[in-house]
Amino acid sequence: MTKTSLGLEENLEASLCYLGVWITGLIFYFVEDKNKFIRFHAMQSILVFLPLTILGWIFGGFFGIFSYGSSWYFLAWISWLFWILILILWIILMLKAYQMQKYKLPIIGDIAEKNS
């Protein structure tokens, strides 16, 4: 295994990029300067989970306030879809990173690879 800046095992550090969704991705992206594999997973974590988190907050928070007894009710349900998607992606990406697989999501994976 390749040495990391933090001295952790490569697979553990890569999976930790996803542990706190985009927050830990951001931390590991700036802390890890040696390992391209970890930087890839950190950048992919940021690019996937930050937009999904923002969309979940928008639909769940803003529209959730107006949802009861109004036509905005269905938008609050869209928020649940985002949170379910986040949970599924979170589990899959953490497992793939721990197994030392460079699992690239469509479009986002290519962008993460270019910026890692």
PDB file of N, CA and C in Angstrom:
ATOM      1  N   MET A   1       0.831  -1.189   0.000  1.00  0.00           N
ATOM      2  CA  MET A   1       0.000   0.000   0.000  1.00  0.00           C
ATOM      3  C   MET A   1       0.875   1.253   0.000  1.00  0.00           C
ATOM      4  N   THR A   2       0.344   2.278  -0.603  1.00  0.00           N
ATOM      5  CA  THR A   2       1.050   3.546  -0.679  1.00  0.00           C
ATOM      6  C   THR A   2       0.909   4.303   0.634  1.00  0.00           C
ATOM      7  N   LYS A   3       1.957   4.997   1.002  1.00  0.00           N
ATOM      8  CA  LYS A   3       1.936   5.775   2.231  1.00  0.00           C
ATOM      9  C   LYS A   3       1.044   7.002   2.056  1.00  0.00           C
ATOM     10  N   THR A   4       0.357   7.355   3.129  1.00  0.00           N
ATOM     11  CA  THR A   4      -0.507   8.532   3.115  1.00  0.00           C
ATOM     12  C   THR A   4       0.098   9.627   3.989  1.00  0.00           C
ATOM     13  N   SER A   5      -0.384  10.828   3.811  1.00  0.00           N
ATOM     14  CA  SER A   5       0.125  11.963   4.602  1.00  0.00           C
ATOM     15  C   SER A   5      -0.155  11.795   6.085  1.00  0.00           C
ATOM     16  N   LEU A   6      -1.271  11.183   6.425  1.00  0.00           N
ATOM     17  CA  LEU A   6      -1.653  11.009   7.823  1.00  0.00           C
ATOM     18  C   LEU A   6      -1.108   9.732   8.443  1.00  0.00           C
ATOM     19  N   GLY A   7      -0.502   8.871   7.635  1.00  0.00           N
ATOM     20  CA  GLY A   7       0.060   7.628   8.138  1.00  0.00           C
ATOM     21  C   GLY A   7      -0.966   6.530   8.341  1.00  0.00           C
ATOM     22  N   LEU A   8      -2.189   6.728   7.884  1.00  0.00           N
ATOM     23  CA  LEU A   8      -3.222   5.692   7.983  1.00  0.00           C
ATOM     24  C   LEU A   8      -3.099   4.743   6.799  1.00  0.00           C
ATOM     25  N   GLU A   9      -3.748   3.601   6.918  1.00  0.00           N
ATOM     26  CA  GLU A   9      -3.810   2.688   5.782  1.00  0.00           C
ATOM     27  C   GLU A   9      -4.615   3.355   4.680  1.00  0.00           C
ATOM     28  N   GLU A  10      -4.202   3.123   3.471  1.00  0.00           N
ATOM     29  CA  GLU A  10      -4.805   3.795   2.312  1.00  0.00           C
ATOM     30  C   GLU A  10      -6.302   3.531   2.190  1.00  0.00           C
ATOM     31  N   ASN A  11      -6.704   2.277   2.383  1.00  0.00           N
ATOM     32  CA  ASN A  11      -8.126   1.952   2.250  1.00  0.00           C
ATOM     33  C   ASN A  11      -8.968   2.594   3.356  1.00  0.00           C
ATOM     34  N   LEU A  12      -8.428   2.659   4.554  1.00  0.00           N
ATOM     35  CA  LEU A  12      -9.153   3.280   5.657  1.00  0.00           C
ATOM     36  C   LEU A  12      -9.320   4.778   5.428  1.00  0.00           C
ATOM     37  N   GLU A  13      -8.246   5.418   5.027  1.00  0.00           N
ATOM     38  CA  GLU A  13      -8.316   6.857   4.788  1.00  0.00           C
ATOM     39  C   GLU A  13      -9.246   7.183   3.626  1.00  0.00           C
ATOM     40  N   ALA A  14      -9.234   6.361   2.585  1.00  0.00           N
ATOM     41  CA  ALA A  14     -10.128   6.598   1.440  1.00  0.00           C
ATOM     42  C   ALA A  14     -11.593   6.456   1.853  1.00  0.00           C
ATOM     43  N   SER A  15     -11.902   5.467   2.665  1.00  0.00           N
ATOM     44  CA  SER A  15     -13.298   5.297   3.101  1.00  0.00           C
ATOM     45  C   SER A  15     -13.703   6.395   4.078  1.00  0.00           C
ATOM     46  N   LEU A  16     -12.755   6.913   4.853  1.00  0.00           N
ATOM     47  CA  LEU A  16     -13.068   8.015   5.769  1.00  0.00           C
ATOM     48  C   LEU A  16     -13.417   9.302   5.020  1.00  0.00           C
ATOM     49  N   CYS A  17     -12.997   9.409   3.770  1.00  0.00           N
ATOM     50  CA  CYS A  17     -13.376  10.570   2.951  1.00  0.00           C
ATOM     51  C   CYS A  17     -14.895  10.682   2.831  1.00  0.00           C
ATOM     52  N   TYR A  18     -15.580   9.559   2.910  1.00  0.00           N
ATOM     53  CA  TYR A  18     -17.039   9.533   2.768  1.00  0.00           C
ATOM     54  C   TYR A  18     -17.776   9.520   4.104  1.00  0.00           C
ATOM     55  N   LEU A  19     -17.072   9.269   5.198  1.00  0.00           N
ATOM     56  CA  LEU A  19     -17.725   9.096   6.492  1.00  0.00           C
ATOM     57  C   LEU A  19     -18.597  10.287   6.875  1.00  0.00           C
ATOM     58  N   GLY A  20     -18.074  11.469   6.774  1.00  0.00           N
ATOM     59  CA  GLY A  20     -18.838  12.683   7.112  1.00  0.00           C
ATOM     60  C   GLY A  20     -19.326  13.382   5.869  1.00  0.00           C
ATOM     61  N   VAL A  21     -19.681  12.604   4.890  1.00  0.00           N
ATOM     62  CA  VAL A  21     -20.087  13.039   3.546  1.00  0.00           C
ATOM     63  C   VAL A  21     -19.129  14.108   3.023  1.00  0.00           C
ATOM     64  N   TRP A  22     -19.585  15.242   2.578  1.00  0.00           N
ATOM     65  CA  TRP A  22     -18.720  16.231   1.936  1.00  0.00           C
ATOM     66  C   TRP A  22     -17.766  16.923   2.908  1.00  0.00           C
ATOM     67  N   ILE A  23     -18.075  16.926   4.189  1.00  0.00           N
ATOM     68  CA  ILE A  23     -17.211  17.610   5.164  1.00  0.00           C
ATOM     69  C   ILE A  23     -15.875  16.878   5.297  1.00  0.00           C
ATOM     70  N   THR A  24     -15.913  15.556   5.480  1.00  0.00           N
ATOM     71  CA  THR A  24     -14.652  14.815   5.586  1.00  0.00           C
ATOM     72  C   THR A  24     -13.951  14.757   4.227  1.00  0.00           C
ATOM     73  N   GLY A  25     -14.722  14.769   3.149  1.00  0.00           N
ATOM     74  CA  GLY A  25     -14.109  14.844   1.825  1.00  0.00           C
ATOM     75  C   GLY A  25     -13.289  16.110   1.680  1.00  0.00           C
ATOM     76  N   LEU A  26     -13.837  17.210   2.140  1.00  0.00           N
ATOM     77  CA  LEU A  26     -13.137  18.496   2.091  1.00  0.00           C
ATOM     78  C   LEU A  26     -11.872  18.471   2.948  1.00  0.00           C
ATOM     79  N   ILE A  27     -11.980  17.905   4.128  1.00  0.00           N
ATOM     80  CA  ILE A  27     -10.828  17.820   5.035  1.00  0.00           C
ATOM     81  C   ILE A  27      -9.712  16.982   4.410  1.00  0.00           C
ATOM     82  N   PHE A  28     -10.048  15.792   3.938  1.00  0.00           N
ATOM     83  CA  PHE A  28      -9.017  14.912   3.378  1.00  0.00           C
ATOM     84  C   PHE A  28      -8.453  15.463   2.066  1.00  0.00           C
ATOM     85  N   TYR A  29      -9.240  16.192   1.307  1.00  0.00           N
ATOM     86  CA  TYR A  29      -8.729  16.769   0.064  1.00  0.00           C
ATOM     87  C   TYR A  29      -7.605  17.765   0.351  1.00  0.00           C
ATOM     88  N   PHE A  30      -7.753  18.553   1.393  1.00  0.00           N
ATOM     89  CA  PHE A  30      -6.733  19.548   1.709  1.00  0.00           C
ATOM     90  C   PHE A  30      -5.592  18.994   2.561  1.00  0.00           C
ATOM     91  N   VAL A  31      -5.856  17.957   3.339  1.00  0.00           N
ATOM     92  CA  VAL A  31      -4.808  17.377   4.188  1.00  0.00           C
ATOM     93  C   VAL A  31      -3.920  16.421   3.397  1.00  0.00           C
ATOM     94  N   GLU A  32      -4.514  15.624   2.545  1.00  0.00           N
ATOM     95  CA  GLU A  32      -3.771  14.608   1.798  1.00  0.00           C
ATOM     96  C   GLU A  32      -3.165  15.227   0.534  1.00  0.00           C
ATOM     97  N   ASP A  33      -1.851  15.294   0.500  1.00  0.00           N
ATOM     98  CA  ASP A  33      -1.206  15.878  -0.672  1.00  0.00           C
ATOM     99  C   ASP A  33      -0.371  14.869  -1.463  1.00  0.00           C
ATOM    100  N   LYS A  34      -0.206  13.664  -0.949  1.00  0.00           N
ATOM    101  CA  LYS A  34       0.636  12.667  -1.595  1.00  0.00           C
ATOM    102  C   LYS A  34      -0.144  11.659  -2.430  1.00  0.00           C
ATOM    103  N   ASN A  35      -1.274  11.250  -1.958  1.00  0.00           N
ATOM    104  CA  ASN A  35      -1.948  10.076  -2.494  1.00  0.00           C
ATOM    105  C   ASN A  35      -3.109  10.445  -3.422  1.00  0.00           C
ATOM    106  N   LYS A  36      -2.959  10.125  -4.698  1.00  0.00           N
ATOM    107  CA  LYS A  36      -3.992  10.446  -5.707  1.00  0.00           C
ATOM    108  C   LYS A  36      -5.278   9.651  -5.478  1.00  0.00           C
ATOM    109  N   PHE A  37      -5.150   8.415  -4.994  1.00  0.00           N
ATOM    110  CA  PHE A  37      -6.321   7.583  -4.736  1.00  0.00           C
ATOM    111  C   PHE A  37      -7.220   8.220  -3.677  1.00  0.00           C
ATOM    112  N   ILE A  38      -6.619   8.695  -2.611  1.00  0.00           N
ATOM    113  CA  ILE A  38      -7.384   9.325  -1.534  1.00  0.00           C
ATOM    114  C   ILE A  38      -7.930  10.666  -1.979  1.00  0.00           C
ATOM    115  N   ARG A  39      -7.133  11.441  -2.709  1.00  0.00           N
ATOM    116  CA  ARG A  39      -7.610  12.737  -3.212  1.00  0.00           C
ATOM    117  C   ARG A  39      -8.787  12.550  -4.165  1.00  0.00           C
ATOM    118  N   PHE A  40      -8.754  11.477  -4.968  1.00  0.00           N
ATOM    119  CA  PHE A  40      -9.886  11.177  -5.849  1.00  0.00           C
ATOM    120  C   PHE A  40     -11.161  10.948  -5.036  1.00  0.00           C
ATOM    121  N   HIS A  41     -11.065  10.095  -4.016  1.00  0.00           N
ATOM    122  CA  HIS A  41     -12.253   9.796  -3.209  1.00  0.00           C
ATOM    123  C   HIS A  41     -12.720  11.021  -2.424  1.00  0.00           C
ATOM    124  N   ALA A  42     -11.791  11.836  -1.979  1.00  0.00           N
ATOM    125  CA  ALA A  42     -12.167  13.063  -1.271  1.00  0.00           C
ATOM    126  C   ALA A  42     -12.917  14.009  -2.204  1.00  0.00           C
ATOM    127  N   MET A  43     -12.404  14.194  -3.409  1.00  0.00           N
ATOM    128  CA  MET A  43     -13.057  15.099  -4.369  1.00  0.00           C
ATOM    129  C   MET A  43     -14.405  14.541  -4.814  1.00  0.00           C
ATOM    130  N   GLN A  44     -14.482  13.248  -5.031  1.00  0.00           N
ATOM    131  CA  GLN A  44     -15.757  12.655  -5.425  1.00  0.00           C
ATOM    132  C   GLN A  44     -16.786  12.817  -4.310  1.00  0.00           C
ATOM    133  N   SER A  45     -16.357  12.678  -3.071  1.00  0.00           N
ATOM    134  CA  SER A  45     -17.249  12.879  -1.929  1.00  0.00           C
ATOM    135  C   SER A  45     -17.813  14.302  -1.917  1.00  0.00           C
ATOM    136  N   ILE A  46     -16.954  15.273  -2.151  1.00  0.00           N
ATOM    137  CA  ILE A  46     -17.395  16.674  -2.176  1.00  0.00           C
ATOM    138  C   ILE A  46     -18.384  16.907  -3.319  1.00  0.00           C
ATOM    139  N   LEU A  47     -18.028  16.436  -4.516  1.00  0.00           N
ATOM    140  CA  LEU A  47     -18.848  16.694  -5.706  1.00  0.00           C
ATOM    141  C   LEU A  47     -20.193  15.971  -5.684  1.00  0.00           C
ATOM    142  N   VAL A  48     -20.261  14.850  -4.990  1.00  0.00           N
ATOM    143  CA  VAL A  48     -21.515  14.099  -4.914  1.00  0.00           C
ATOM    144  C   VAL A  48     -22.398  14.617  -3.778  1.00  0.00           C
ATOM    145  N   PHE A  49     -21.831  14.695  -2.595  1.00  0.00           N
ATOM    146  CA  PHE A  49     -22.657  14.910  -1.412  1.00  0.00           C
ATOM    147  C   PHE A  49     -22.981  16.373  -1.113  1.00  0.00           C
ATOM    148  N   LEU A  50     -22.150  17.297  -1.509  1.00  0.00           N
ATOM    149  CA  LEU A  50     -22.476  18.698  -1.248  1.00  0.00           C
ATOM    150  C   LEU A  50     -23.720  19.148  -2.017  1.00  0.00           C
ATOM    151  N   PRO A  51     -23.803  18.915  -3.319  1.00  0.00           N
ATOM    152  CA  PRO A  51     -25.038  19.309  -4.026  1.00  0.00           C
ATOM    153  C   PRO A  51     -26.275  18.549  -3.544  1.00  0.00           C
ATOM    154  N   LEU A  52     -26.128  17.254  -3.270  1.00  0.00           N
ATOM    155  CA  LEU A  52     -27.281  16.493  -2.787  1.00  0.00           C
ATOM    156  C   LEU A  52     -27.744  16.979  -1.422  1.00  0.00           C
ATOM    157  N   THR A  53     -26.812  17.348  -0.559  1.00  0.00           N
ATOM    158  CA  THR A  53     -27.169  17.873   0.755  1.00  0.00           C
ATOM    159  C   THR A  53     -27.900  19.205   0.625  1.00  0.00           C
ATOM    160  N   ILE A  54     -27.394  20.071  -0.244  1.00  0.00           N
ATOM    161  CA  ILE A  54     -28.048  21.367  -0.451  1.00  0.00           C
ATOM    162  C   ILE A  54     -29.455  21.178  -1.001  1.00  0.00           C
ATOM    163  N   LEU A  55     -29.604  20.304  -1.982  1.00  0.00           N
ATOM    164  CA  LEU A  55     -30.945  20.048  -2.543  1.00  0.00           C
ATOM    165  C   LEU A  55     -31.885  19.446  -1.500  1.00  0.00           C
ATOM    166  N   GLY A  56     -31.365  18.548  -0.675  1.00  0.00           N
ATOM    167  CA  GLY A  56     -32.188  17.969   0.392  1.00  0.00           C
ATOM    168  C   GLY A  56     -32.643  19.023   1.379  1.00  0.00           C
ATOM    169  N   TRP A  57     -31.754  19.960   1.717  1.00  0.00           N
ATOM    170  CA  TRP A  57     -32.120  21.044   2.633  1.00  0.00           C
ATOM    171  C   TRP A  57     -33.148  21.976   2.000  1.00  0.00           C
ATOM    172  N   ILE A  58     -32.951  22.275   0.726  1.00  0.00           N
ATOM    173  CA  ILE A  58     -33.892  23.181   0.041  1.00  0.00           C
ATOM    174  C   ILE A  58     -35.286  22.569   0.017  1.00  0.00           C
ATOM    175  N   PHE A  59     -35.380  21.351  -0.472  1.00  0.00           N
ATOM    176  CA  PHE A  59     -36.696  20.722  -0.583  1.00  0.00           C
ATOM    177  C   PHE A  59     -37.292  20.376   0.774  1.00  0.00           C
ATOM    178  N   GLY A  60     -36.468  19.930   1.687  1.00  0.00           N
ATOM    179  CA  GLY A  60     -36.970  19.534   3.004  1.00  0.00           C
ATOM    180  C   GLY A  60     -37.204  20.697   3.935  1.00  0.00           C
ATOM    181  N   GLY A  61     -36.323  21.676   3.892  1.00  0.00           N
ATOM    182  CA  GLY A  61     -36.433  22.814   4.794  1.00  0.00           C
ATOM    183  C   GLY A  61     -37.410  23.854   4.310  1.00  0.00           C
ATOM    184  N   PHE A  62     -37.114  24.426   3.164  1.00  0.00           N
ATOM    185  CA  PHE A  62     -37.947  25.511   2.649  1.00  0.00           C
ATOM    186  C   PHE A  62     -39.352  25.040   2.303  1.00  0.00           C
ATOM    187  N   PHE A  63     -39.431  24.004   1.488  1.00  0.00           N
ATOM    188  CA  PHE A  63     -40.746  23.527   1.077  1.00  0.00           C
ATOM    189  C   PHE A  63     -41.450  22.757   2.184  1.00  0.00           C
ATOM    190  N   GLY A  64     -40.684  22.204   3.110  1.00  0.00           N
ATOM    191  CA  GLY A  64     -41.284  21.495   4.238  1.00  0.00           C
ATOM    192  C   GLY A  64     -42.109  22.415   5.119  1.00  0.00           C
ATOM    193  N   ILE A  65     -41.707  23.685   5.210  1.00  0.00           N
ATOM    194  CA  ILE A  65     -42.443  24.662   6.013  1.00  0.00           C
ATOM    195  C   ILE A  65     -43.833  24.897   5.440  1.00  0.00           C
ATOM    196  N   PHE A  66     -43.910  24.944   4.125  1.00  0.00           N
ATOM    197  CA  PHE A  66     -45.172  25.252   3.455  1.00  0.00           C
ATOM    198  C   PHE A  66     -45.951  24.013   3.032  1.00  0.00           C
ATOM    199  N   SER A  67     -45.458  22.827   3.390  1.00  0.00           N
ATOM    200  CA  SER A  67     -46.003  21.607   2.808  1.00  0.00           C
ATOM    201  C   SER A  67     -47.351  21.169   3.387  1.00  0.00           C
ATOM    202  N   TYR A  68     -47.593  21.384   4.646  1.00  0.00           N
ATOM    203  CA  TYR A  68     -48.793  20.827   5.254  1.00  0.00           C
ATOM    204  C   TYR A  68     -50.025  21.593   4.833  1.00  0.00           C
ATOM    205  N   GLY A  69     -50.941  20.864   4.193  1.00  0.00           N
ATOM    206  CA  GLY A  69     -52.204  21.454   3.767  1.00  0.00           C
ATOM    207  C   GLY A  69     -52.073  22.329   2.542  1.00  0.00           C
ATOM    208  N   SER A  70     -51.014  22.151   1.770  1.00  0.00           N
ATOM    209  CA  SER A  70     -50.849  22.963   0.572  1.00  0.00           C
ATOM    210  C   SER A  70     -50.389  22.096  -0.589  1.00  0.00           C
ATOM    211  N   SER A  71     -50.278  22.726  -1.730  1.00  0.00           N
ATOM    212  CA  SER A  71     -49.849  21.997  -2.916  1.00  0.00           C
ATOM    213  C   SER A  71     -48.342  21.747  -2.919  1.00  0.00           C
ATOM    214  N   TRP A  72     -47.605  22.316  -1.985  1.00  0.00           N
ATOM    215  CA  TRP A  72     -46.162  22.124  -1.877  1.00  0.00           C
ATOM    216  C   TRP A  72     -45.800  20.813  -1.187  1.00  0.00           C
ATOM    217  N   TYR A  73     -46.791  20.074  -0.734  1.00  0.00           N
ATOM    218  CA  TYR A  73     -46.570  18.864   0.044  1.00  0.00           C
ATOM    219  C   TYR A  73     -45.689  17.849  -0.695  1.00  0.00           C
ATOM    220  N   PHE A  74     -45.897  17.706  -2.002  1.00  0.00           N
ATOM    221  CA  PHE A  74     -45.122  16.719  -2.764  1.00  0.00           C
ATOM    222  C   PHE A  74     -43.636  17.072  -2.809  1.00  0.00           C
ATOM    223  N   LEU A  75     -43.288  18.338  -2.708  1.00  0.00           N
ATOM    224  CA  LEU A  75     -41.876  18.729  -2.736  1.00  0.00           C
ATOM    225  C   LEU A  75     -41.134  18.285  -1.478  1.00  0.00           C
ATOM    226  N   ALA A  76     -41.849  18.223  -0.373  1.00  0.00           N
ATOM    227  CA  ALA A  76     -41.219  17.709   0.845  1.00  0.00           C
ATOM    228  C   ALA A  76     -40.861  16.232   0.672  1.00  0.00           C
ATOM    229  N   TRP A  77     -41.675  15.509  -0.075  1.00  0.00           N
ATOM    230  CA  TRP A  77     -41.373  14.101  -0.342  1.00  0.00           C
ATOM    231  C   TRP A  77     -40.147  13.953  -1.236  1.00  0.00           C
ATOM    232  N   ILE A  78     -39.928  14.906  -2.118  1.00  0.00           N
ATOM    233  CA  ILE A  78     -38.734  14.871  -2.958  1.00  0.00           C
ATOM    234  C   ILE A  78     -37.489  14.936  -2.084  1.00  0.00           C
ATOM    235  N   SER A  79     -37.569  15.684  -0.999  1.00  0.00           N
ATOM    236  CA  SER A  79     -36.452  15.765  -0.059  1.00  0.00           C
ATOM    237  C   SER A  79     -36.085  14.389   0.462  1.00  0.00           C
ATOM    238  N   TRP A  80     -37.060  13.576   0.777  1.00  0.00           N
ATOM    239  CA  TRP A  80     -36.782  12.222   1.268  1.00  0.00           C
ATOM    240  C   TRP A  80     -36.037  11.410   0.221  1.00  0.00           C
ATOM    241  N   LEU A  81     -36.360  11.605  -1.046  1.00  0.00           N
ATOM    242  CA  LEU A  81     -35.653  10.889  -2.105  1.00  0.00           C
ATOM    243  C   LEU A  81     -34.172  11.272  -2.127  1.00  0.00           C
ATOM    244  N   PHE A  82     -33.885  12.545  -1.935  1.00  0.00           N
ATOM    245  CA  PHE A  82     -32.494  12.977  -1.884  1.00  0.00           C
ATOM    246  C   PHE A  82     -31.768  12.347  -0.711  1.00  0.00           C
ATOM    247  N   TRP A  83     -32.405  12.315   0.461  1.00  0.00           N
ATOM    248  CA  TRP A  83     -31.751  11.737   1.641  1.00  0.00           C
ATOM    249  C   TRP A  83     -31.552  10.231   1.488  1.00  0.00           C
ATOM    250  N   ILE A  84     -32.495   9.549   0.846  1.00  0.00           N
ATOM    251  CA  ILE A  84     -32.332   8.112   0.590  1.00  0.00           C
ATOM    252  C   ILE A  84     -31.193   7.888  -0.405  1.00  0.00           C
ATOM    253  N   LEU A  85     -31.122   8.713  -1.436  1.00  0.00           N
ATOM    254  CA  LEU A  85     -30.038   8.625  -2.404  1.00  0.00           C
ATOM    255  C   LEU A  85     -28.689   8.867  -1.726  1.00  0.00           C
ATOM    256  N   ILE A  86     -28.641   9.840  -0.857  1.00  0.00           N
ATOM    257  CA  ILE A  86     -27.406  10.116  -0.116  1.00  0.00           C
ATOM    258  C   ILE A  86     -26.994   8.905   0.711  1.00  0.00           C
ATOM    259  N   LEU A  87     -27.937   8.291   1.405  1.00  0.00           N
ATOM    260  CA  LEU A  87     -27.627   7.130   2.238  1.00  0.00           C
ATOM    261  C   LEU A  87     -27.106   5.956   1.405  1.00  0.00           C
ATOM    262  N   ILE A  88     -27.755   5.669   0.290  1.00  0.00           N
ATOM    263  CA  ILE A  88     -27.336   4.556  -0.571  1.00  0.00           C
ATOM    264  C   ILE A  88     -25.945   4.817  -1.155  1.00  0.00           C
ATOM    265  N   LEU A  89     -25.741   6.009  -1.689  1.00  0.00           N
ATOM    266  CA  LEU A  89     -24.436   6.352  -2.242  1.00  0.00           C
ATOM    267  C   LEU A  89     -23.348   6.329  -1.175  1.00  0.00           C
ATOM    268  N   TRP A  90     -23.682   6.812  -0.004  1.00  0.00           N
ATOM    269  CA  TRP A  90     -22.730   6.856   1.105  1.00  0.00           C
ATOM    270  C   TRP A  90     -22.216   5.457   1.430  1.00  0.00           C
ATOM    271  N   ILE A  91     -23.127   4.506   1.551  1.00  0.00           N
ATOM    272  CA  ILE A  91     -22.748   3.119   1.875  1.00  0.00           C
ATOM    273  C   ILE A  91     -21.917   2.508   0.752  1.00  0.00           C
ATOM    274  N   ILE A  92     -22.377   2.635  -0.478  1.00  0.00           N
ATOM    275  CA  ILE A  92     -21.677   2.037  -1.619  1.00  0.00           C
ATOM    276  C   ILE A  92     -20.277   2.619  -1.762  1.00  0.00           C
ATOM    277  N   LEU A  93     -20.167   3.940  -1.715  1.00  0.00           N
ATOM    278  CA  LEU A  93     -18.869   4.581  -1.931  1.00  0.00           C
ATOM    279  C   LEU A  93     -17.885   4.290  -0.804  1.00  0.00           C
ATOM    280  N   MET A  94     -18.375   4.233   0.428  1.00  0.00           N
ATOM    281  CA  MET A  94     -17.482   3.880   1.532  1.00  0.00           C
ATOM    282  C   MET A  94     -16.952   2.456   1.378  1.00  0.00           C
ATOM    283  N   LEU A  95     -17.827   1.529   1.022  1.00  0.00           N
ATOM    284  CA  LEU A  95     -17.402   0.135   0.846  1.00  0.00           C
ATOM    285  C   LEU A  95     -16.411  -0.013  -0.304  1.00  0.00           C
ATOM    286  N   LYS A  96     -16.689   0.635  -1.425  1.00  0.00           N
ATOM    287  CA  LYS A  96     -15.793   0.543  -2.587  1.00  0.00           C
ATOM    288  C   LYS A  96     -14.423   1.131  -2.264  1.00  0.00           C
ATOM    289  N   ALA A  97     -14.399   2.251  -1.561  1.00  0.00           N
ATOM    290  CA  ALA A  97     -13.123   2.865  -1.187  1.00  0.00           C
ATOM    291  C   ALA A  97     -12.358   1.955  -0.229  1.00  0.00           C
ATOM    292  N   TYR A  98     -13.049   1.348   0.715  1.00  0.00           N
ATOM    293  CA  TYR A  98     -12.392   0.450   1.668  1.00  0.00           C
ATOM    294  C   TYR A  98     -11.824  -0.785   0.966  1.00  0.00           C
ATOM    295  N   GLN A  99     -12.485  -1.216  -0.112  1.00  0.00           N
ATOM    296  CA  GLN A  99     -12.019  -2.371  -0.879  1.00  0.00           C
ATOM    297  C   GLN A  99     -10.943  -1.985  -1.903  1.00  0.00           C
ATOM    298  N   MET A 100     -10.479  -0.734  -1.826  1.00  0.00           N
ATOM    299  CA  MET A 100      -9.432  -0.205  -2.706  1.00  0.00           C
ATOM    300  C   MET A 100      -9.864  -0.167  -4.170  1.00  0.00           C
ATOM    301  N   GLN A 101     -11.136   0.086  -4.402  1.00  0.00           N
ATOM    302  CA  GLN A 101     -11.644   0.217  -5.761  1.00  0.00           C
ATOM    303  C   GLN A 101     -11.841   1.697  -6.079  1.00  0.00           C
ATOM    304  N   LYS A 102     -11.365   2.089  -7.239  1.00  0.00           N
ATOM    305  CA  LYS A 102     -11.567   3.463  -7.680  1.00  0.00           C
ATOM    306  C   LYS A 102     -12.898   3.500  -8.434  1.00  0.00           C
ATOM    307  N   TYR A 103     -13.961   3.497  -7.676  1.00  0.00           N
ATOM    308  CA  TYR A 103     -15.311   3.448  -8.220  1.00  0.00           C
ATOM    309  C   TYR A 103     -15.709   4.851  -8.656  1.00  0.00           C
ATOM    310  N   LYS A 104     -15.780   5.048  -9.980  1.00  0.00           N
ATOM    311  CA  LYS A 104     -16.085   6.363 -10.523  1.00  0.00           C
ATOM    312  C   LYS A 104     -17.566   6.465 -10.857  1.00  0.00           C
ATOM    313  N   LEU A 105     -18.210   7.456 -10.289  1.00  0.00           N
ATOM    314  CA  LEU A 105     -19.583   7.741 -10.658  1.00  0.00           C
ATOM    315  C   LEU A 105     -19.600   8.443 -12.014  1.00  0.00           C
ATOM    316  N   PRO A 106     -20.674   8.283 -12.786  1.00  0.00           N
ATOM    317  CA  PRO A 106     -20.737   8.955 -14.088  1.00  0.00           C
ATOM    318  C   PRO A 106     -20.578  10.477 -13.939  1.00  0.00           C
ATOM    319  N   ILE A 107     -19.864  11.072 -14.823  1.00  0.00           N
ATOM    320  CA  ILE A 107     -19.579  12.509 -14.918  1.00  0.00           C
ATOM    321  C   ILE A 107     -18.782  12.999 -13.718  1.00  0.00           C
ATOM    322  N   ILE A 108     -19.304  12.833 -12.529  1.00  0.00           N
ATOM    323  CA  ILE A 108     -18.644  13.317 -11.318  1.00  0.00           C
ATOM    324  C   ILE A 108     -17.302  12.623 -11.107  1.00  0.00           C
ATOM    325  N   GLY A 109     -17.244  11.338 -11.382  1.00  0.00           N
ATOM    326  CA  GLY A 109     -16.001  10.587 -11.221  1.00  0.00           C
ATOM    327  C   GLY A 109     -14.908  11.104 -12.144  1.00  0.00           C
ATOM    328  N   ASP A 110     -15.269  11.478 -13.374  1.00  0.00           N
ATOM    329  CA  ASP A 110     -14.290  12.037 -14.308  1.00  0.00           C
ATOM    330  C   ASP A 110     -13.770  13.398 -13.835  1.00  0.00           C
ATOM    331  N   ILE A 111     -14.665  14.219 -13.321  1.00  0.00           N
ATOM    332  CA  ILE A 111     -14.267  15.527 -12.793  1.00  0.00           C
ATOM    333  C   ILE A 111     -13.376  15.347 -11.580  1.00  0.00           C
ATOM    334  N   ALA A 112     -13.739  14.425 -10.702  1.00  0.00           N
ATOM    335  CA  ALA A 112     -12.927  14.155  -9.502  1.00  0.00           C
ATOM    336  C   ALA A 112     -11.550  13.642  -9.888  1.00  0.00           C
ATOM    337  N   GLU A 113     -11.482  12.818 -10.898  1.00  0.00           N
ATOM    338  CA  GLU A 113     -10.194  12.275 -11.336  1.00  0.00           C
ATOM    339  C   GLU A 113      -9.287  13.375 -11.896  1.00  0.00           C
ATOM    340  N   LYS A 114      -9.854  14.298 -12.636  1.00  0.00           N
ATOM    341  CA  LYS A 114      -9.072  15.399 -13.198  1.00  0.00           C
ATOM    342  C   LYS A 114      -8.568  16.348 -12.105  1.00  0.00           C
ATOM    343  N   ASN A 115      -9.303  16.473 -11.012  1.00  0.00           N
ATOM    344  CA  ASN A 115      -8.940  17.415  -9.965  1.00  0.00           C
ATOM    345  C   ASN A 115      -8.270  16.773  -8.745  1.00  0.00           C
ATOM    346  N   SER A 116      -7.909  15.510  -8.847  1.00  0.00           N
ATOM    347  CA  SER A 116      -7.276  14.844  -7.699  1.00  0.00           C
ATOM    348  C   SER A 116      -5.766  14.881  -7.811  1.00  0.00           C
TER     349      SER A 116
END
